[in-house]
Protein backbone atom coordinates (compact mmCIF):
# COMPACT_ATOMS: atom_id res chain seq x y z
CA MET A 1 0.00 0.00 0.00
CA VAL A 2 2.94 2.35 0.58
CA GLY A 3 4.09 2.12 -3.04
CA PRO A 4 0.78 3.13 -4.68
CA ALA A 5 0.33 5.91 -2.09
CA LEU A 6 3.77 7.37 -2.88
CA PHE A 7 3.13 7.03 -6.60
CA LEU A 8 -0.19 8.89 -6.48
CA ALA A 9 1.22 11.54 -4.15
CA SER A 10 4.17 12.18 -6.46
CA LEU A 11 2.02 12.18 -9.58
CA SER A 12 -0.60 14.53 -8.14
CA GLY A 13 1.97 16.99 -6.77
CA TRP A 14 1.32 16.49 -3.06
CA LEU A 15 4.92 15.33 -2.88
CA ARG A 16 7.64 16.87 -4.99
CA ALA A 17 7.67 14.96 -8.27
CA ARG A 18 11.13 13.44 -8.69
CA GLU A 19 12.03 11.25 -11.64
CA THR A 20 14.18 8.99 -9.45
CA THR A 21 11.35 8.35 -6.98
CA LEU A 22 8.89 7.51 -9.74
CA LEU A 23 11.47 5.33 -11.47
CA LEU A 24 12.05 3.30 -8.30
CA LEU A 25 8.30 2.91 -7.82
CA LEU A 26 7.91 1.70 -11.40
CA VAL A 27 10.67 -0.85 -10.81
CA VAL A 28 8.85 -2.07 -7.69
CA LEU A 29 5.63 -2.33 -9.71
CA SER A 30 7.42 -4.35 -12.40
CA ASN A 31 8.80 -6.61 -9.68
CA HIS A 32 5.30 -7.47 -8.42
CA LEU A 33 3.71 -8.21 -11.79
CA GLY A 34 3.52 -11.68 -13.28
CA SER A 35 3.06 -15.16 -11.87
CA THR A 36 6.74 -15.72 -11.04
CA PRO A 37 8.14 -13.59 -8.20
CA ALA A 38 10.99 -11.59 -9.72
CA GLY A 39 12.78 -11.38 -6.37
CA SER A 40 13.91 -14.99 -6.81
CA MET A 41 15.34 -14.33 -10.29
CA PHE A 42 18.73 -12.99 -11.27
CA LEU A 43 17.27 -10.29 -13.48
CA LEU A 44 13.82 -8.82 -13.97
CA PRO A 45 12.15 -10.03 -17.18
CA PRO A 46 12.63 -7.36 -19.88
CA ASP A 47 9.14 -7.89 -21.30
CA ARG A 48 7.63 -7.04 -17.90
CA ILE A 49 9.81 -3.95 -17.54
CA LEU A 50 9.11 -2.64 -21.04
CA SER A 51 5.35 -3.20 -20.68
CA VAL A 52 5.19 -1.09 -17.52
CA ALA A 53 7.51 1.54 -19.03
CA ALA A 54 5.51 1.92 -22.25
CA LEU A 55 2.19 2.30 -20.43
CA ALA A 56 3.72 4.75 -17.92
CA LEU A 57 5.15 6.82 -20.79
CA ALA A 58 1.74 6.99 -22.46
CA LEU A 59 0.04 7.91 -19.17
CA GLY A 60 2.55 10.66 -18.52
CA HIS A 61 1.94 12.23 -21.93
CA VAL A 62 -1.84 11.99 -21.59
CA LEU A 63 -1.88 13.66 -18.17
CA ALA A 64 0.58 16.33 -19.32
CA ARG A 65 -1.94 17.37 -21.99
CA LEU A 66 -4.65 18.26 -19.46
CA SER A 67 -5.61 21.90 -18.99
CA ARG A 68 -3.55 23.79 -16.39
CA GLU A 69 -6.14 26.37 -15.40
CA LYS A 70 -6.35 25.25 -11.76
CA PRO A 71 -3.52 24.79 -9.20
CA TRP A 72 -4.06 21.04 -8.86
CA ALA A 73 -3.87 20.69 -12.65
CA THR A 74 -0.54 22.52 -12.67
CA ARG A 75 0.83 20.16 -10.02
CA LEU A 76 -0.48 17.18 -11.99
CA HIS A 77 1.25 18.49 -15.12
CA GLY A 78 4.61 18.53 -13.34
CA GLY A 79 4.06 15.02 -12.00
CA ALA A 80 3.06 13.77 -15.44
CA GLN A 81 6.23 15.13 -17.01
CA ALA A 82 8.32 13.49 -14.28
CA LEU A 83 6.48 10.20 -14.88
CA ALA A 84 7.24 10.34 -18.62
CA ARG A 85 10.94 10.91 -17.95
CA ALA A 86 10.98 8.09 -15.38
CA ALA A 87 9.34 5.79 -17.93
CA VAL A 88 12.11 6.57 -20.43
CA GLY A 89 14.62 5.60 -17.73
CA LEU A 90 12.77 2.32 -17.19
CA ILE A 91 12.91 1.62 -20.94
CA LEU A 92 16.66 2.16 -20.71
CA LEU A 93 16.81 -0.49 -17.95
CA GLY A 94 14.71 -2.82 -20.09
CA ILE A 95 17.16 -2.56 -22.98
CA VAL A 96 20.01 -3.28 -20.55
CA MET A 97 18.16 -6.42 -19.42
CA VAL A 98 17.65 -7.55 -23.02
CA SER A 99 21.37 -7.16 -23.71
CA ALA A 100 22.27 -9.11 -20.57
CA ARG A 101 19.84 -11.91 -21.44
CA ILE A 102 21.15 -12.19 -25.00
CA LEU A 103 24.71 -12.41 -23.69
CA GLY A 104 23.58 -15.37 -21.57
CA PHE A 105 23.22 -13.80 -18.12
CA GLY A 106 20.01 -14.68 -16.29
CA GLY A 107 18.63 -16.87 -19.06
CA ALA A 108 17.91 -15.95 -22.67
CA GLN A 109 14.45 -17.47 -23.16
CA PRO A 110 11.63 -14.91 -23.50
CA THR A 111 8.24 -15.57 -21.97
CA PRO A 112 4.77 -15.47 -23.60
CA ALA A 113 4.37 -12.03 -22.01
CA VAL A 114 6.51 -10.62 -24.84
CA ALA A 115 3.31 -10.35 -26.89
CA LEU A 116 1.78 -8.18 -24.17
CA ALA A 117 4.92 -6.03 -24.15
CA PHE A 118 4.65 -5.47 -27.91
CA ALA A 119 0.97 -4.56 -27.45
CA ALA A 120 1.82 -2.07 -24.68
CA ILE A 121 4.52 -0.45 -26.86
CA ALA A 122 2.11 -0.24 -29.82
CA ILE A 123 -0.63 1.34 -27.67
CA ALA A 124 1.84 3.86 -26.23
CA ALA A 125 3.12 4.75 -29.71
CA LEU A 126 -0.44 5.21 -30.98
CA ILE A 127 -1.27 7.53 -28.07
CA LEU A 128 1.86 9.60 -28.65
CA VAL A 129 1.14 9.89 -32.36
CA ARG A 130 -2.40 11.06 -31.62
CA LEU A 131 -1.06 13.65 -29.19
CA ARG A 132 1.36 14.90 -31.84
CA ALA A 133 -1.59 15.78 -34.08
CA SER A 134 -1.59 19.35 -32.71
CA ALA A 135 1.25 21.78 -33.28
CA SER A 136 1.98 22.04 -29.55
CA ALA A 137 2.70 18.33 -29.11
CA LEU A 138 5.91 18.01 -31.13
CA SER A 139 7.91 17.10 -28.01
CA ALA A 140 6.85 13.45 -28.35
CA THR A 141 9.22 12.84 -31.27
CA SER A 142 12.12 11.57 -29.19
CA ASP A 143 9.84 9.38 -27.07
CA LEU A 144 8.55 7.70 -30.23
CA LEU A 145 12.15 6.79 -31.04
CA VAL A 146 12.56 5.49 -27.49
CA LEU A 147 9.55 3.20 -28.01
CA ALA A 148 11.03 2.07 -31.33
CA ALA A 149 14.26 1.15 -29.54
CA ALA A 150 12.30 -0.90 -26.99
CA ALA A 151 10.38 -2.72 -29.74
CA LEU A 152 13.60 -3.50 -31.62
CA ALA A 153 15.24 -4.89 -28.48
CA LEU A 154 12.26 -7.17 -27.81
CA LEU A 155 12.15 -8.34 -31.43
CA VAL A 156 15.84 -9.22 -31.44
CA TRP A 157 15.41 -11.04 -28.12
CA LEU A 158 12.73 -13.20 -29.72
CA ILE A 159 14.87 -13.91 -32.79
CA ALA A 160 17.96 -14.68 -30.70
CA SER A 161 16.08 -17.26 -28.64
CA LEU A 162 15.24 -19.20 -31.83
CA SER A 163 18.62 -18.81 -33.52
CA ARG A 164 21.91 -20.62 -33.18
CA GLU A 165 23.96 -17.64 -34.30
CA PRO A 166 26.65 -16.28 -31.93
CA ALA A 167 25.32 -13.97 -29.24
CA THR A 168 27.65 -11.19 -30.46
CA VAL A 169 25.55 -10.55 -33.56
CA TRP A 170 22.28 -10.37 -31.66
CA THR A 171 23.69 -8.24 -28.87
CA VAL A 172 24.61 -5.62 -31.46
CA TRP A 173 21.04 -5.44 -32.73
CA GLY A 174 19.35 -5.96 -29.37
CA GLY A 175 21.63 -3.73 -27.29
CA ILE A 176 23.93 -1.39 -29.18
CA VAL A 177 21.54 -0.37 -31.98
CA PRO A 178 18.67 0.46 -29.55
CA ALA A 179 21.19 2.43 -27.46
CA LEU A 180 22.23 4.35 -30.57
CA ILE A 181 18.55 5.08 -31.27
CA LEU A 182 18.43 6.69 -27.82
CA VAL A 183 21.49 8.76 -28.76
CA VAL A 184 19.75 9.95 -31.92
CA ALA A 185 16.58 10.72 -29.94
CA GLY A 186 18.57 12.85 -27.52
CA HIS A 187 20.32 14.58 -30.43
CA ILE A 188 17.06 15.49 -32.17
CA GLU A 189 15.58 17.45 -29.28
CA ASP A 190 18.78 18.27 -27.37
CA ARG A 191 17.82 16.05 -24.43
CA ARG A 192 21.23 15.81 -22.85
CA GLU A 193 20.29 13.20 -20.27
CA LEU A 194 18.92 10.87 -22.95
CA TYR A 195 21.94 11.50 -25.17
CA GLY A 196 24.33 10.80 -22.28
CA TRP A 197 22.58 7.66 -21.07
CA GLY A 198 22.43 6.37 -24.63
CA LEU A 199 26.18 6.81 -25.00
CA ALA A 200 26.79 5.21 -21.60
CA LEU A 201 24.61 2.23 -22.53
CA THR A 202 26.44 1.89 -25.86
CA ALA A 203 29.80 1.86 -24.09
CA GLY A 204 28.61 -0.60 -21.42
CA VAL A 205 27.12 -3.09 -23.86
CA THR A 206 30.21 -2.81 -26.07
CA LEU A 207 32.48 -3.65 -23.13
CA GLY A 208 30.19 -6.53 -22.18
CA MET A 209 30.37 -7.87 -25.73
CA LEU A 210 34.14 -7.51 -25.71
CA VAL A 211 34.35 -9.62 -22.54
CA ALA A 212 31.83 -12.25 -23.65
CA SER A 213 32.73 -12.48 -27.34
CA ARG A 214 34.95 -15.27 -28.62
CA ASN A 215 35.10 -13.92 -32.17
CA LEU A 216 36.84 -10.54 -32.25
CA ILE A 217 36.56 -10.32 -36.04
CA ALA A 218 32.76 -10.55 -35.89
CA PHE A 219 32.80 -8.17 -32.94
CA SER A 220 34.79 -5.55 -34.87
CA GLY A 221 32.61 -5.95 -37.96
CA ASN A 222 29.44 -5.41 -35.95
CA LEU A 223 30.89 -2.31 -34.31
CA LEU A 224 31.74 -0.86 -37.73
CA LEU A 225 28.19 -1.58 -38.83
CA CYS A 226 26.86 0.26 -35.76
CA ALA A 227 29.09 3.26 -36.52
CA LEU A 228 27.75 3.34 -40.08
CA LEU A 229 24.14 3.13 -38.89
CA LEU A 230 24.65 5.94 -36.37
CA THR A 231 26.29 8.16 -38.99
CA LEU A 232 23.45 7.61 -41.45
CA ALA A 233 20.85 8.24 -38.74
CA LEU A 234 22.44 11.54 -37.70
CA PHE A 235 22.69 12.69 -41.33
CA ALA A 236 19.02 11.76 -41.86
CA CYS A 237 18.01 13.75 -38.76
CA ARG A 238 19.91 16.83 -39.90
CA TRP A 239 18.47 16.55 -43.41
CA ALA A 240 14.94 16.30 -42.01
CA ALA A 241 15.56 19.27 -39.70
CA ARG A 242 16.74 21.41 -42.64
CA ARG A 243 13.65 20.51 -44.68
CA ILE A 244 11.34 21.39 -41.76
CA ASP A 245 13.12 24.75 -41.30
CA ARG A 246 12.80 25.55 -45.01
CA ARG A 247 9.08 24.76 -45.02
CA ALA A 248 8.56 26.85 -41.90
CA ALA A 249 10.40 29.77 -43.53
């Protein structure tokens, strides 16, 4: 009962809305979902984490769109923004868990709940797209990329569990590429925390791959591929930004 009370108090503004508090509460919520108690497992299931994160991200954006004419609505707006940022942090943790599972830590077999995770990500993306329909809702662009990174990580986790290919290949696509998507998302809207955490995740997964990989040639080739993908993505973002500026002018 303490967890839901703290969550509602932080969201409604009765307590100061802190992203770290809401993030910890979301982790606790993820820990209590599902039939298997996560406390007895080495790592939380990524599908459970990403489901909670996607729905929390959508809820944060919906509440942030409410009118702020009254004081309680203003407090709720601040709590909703903090919830959305905490949800992005939880998605970051989910991608870390996917990378760890693919590398063989904590078990690599996904559960049937992956389908529910995909559904939660799709619902959240649909809500964000609907909110972007007005000119004042353009701030959801980077969060759409964050959801795309989560979906890619889950998809690669599914493929890796059915494949006999070396884990190095799948960790690139399930860990490093989603992390680079977060870097691009932070670059688009100058979200320094997202940009920094994306770079940190890229470096961490790369070091993990270097330790776990037995084929340094494949490892180097995959890293070059990631560098090429990131370069193309950044060029595409800058090209799109120039076109938008020209149309606006």
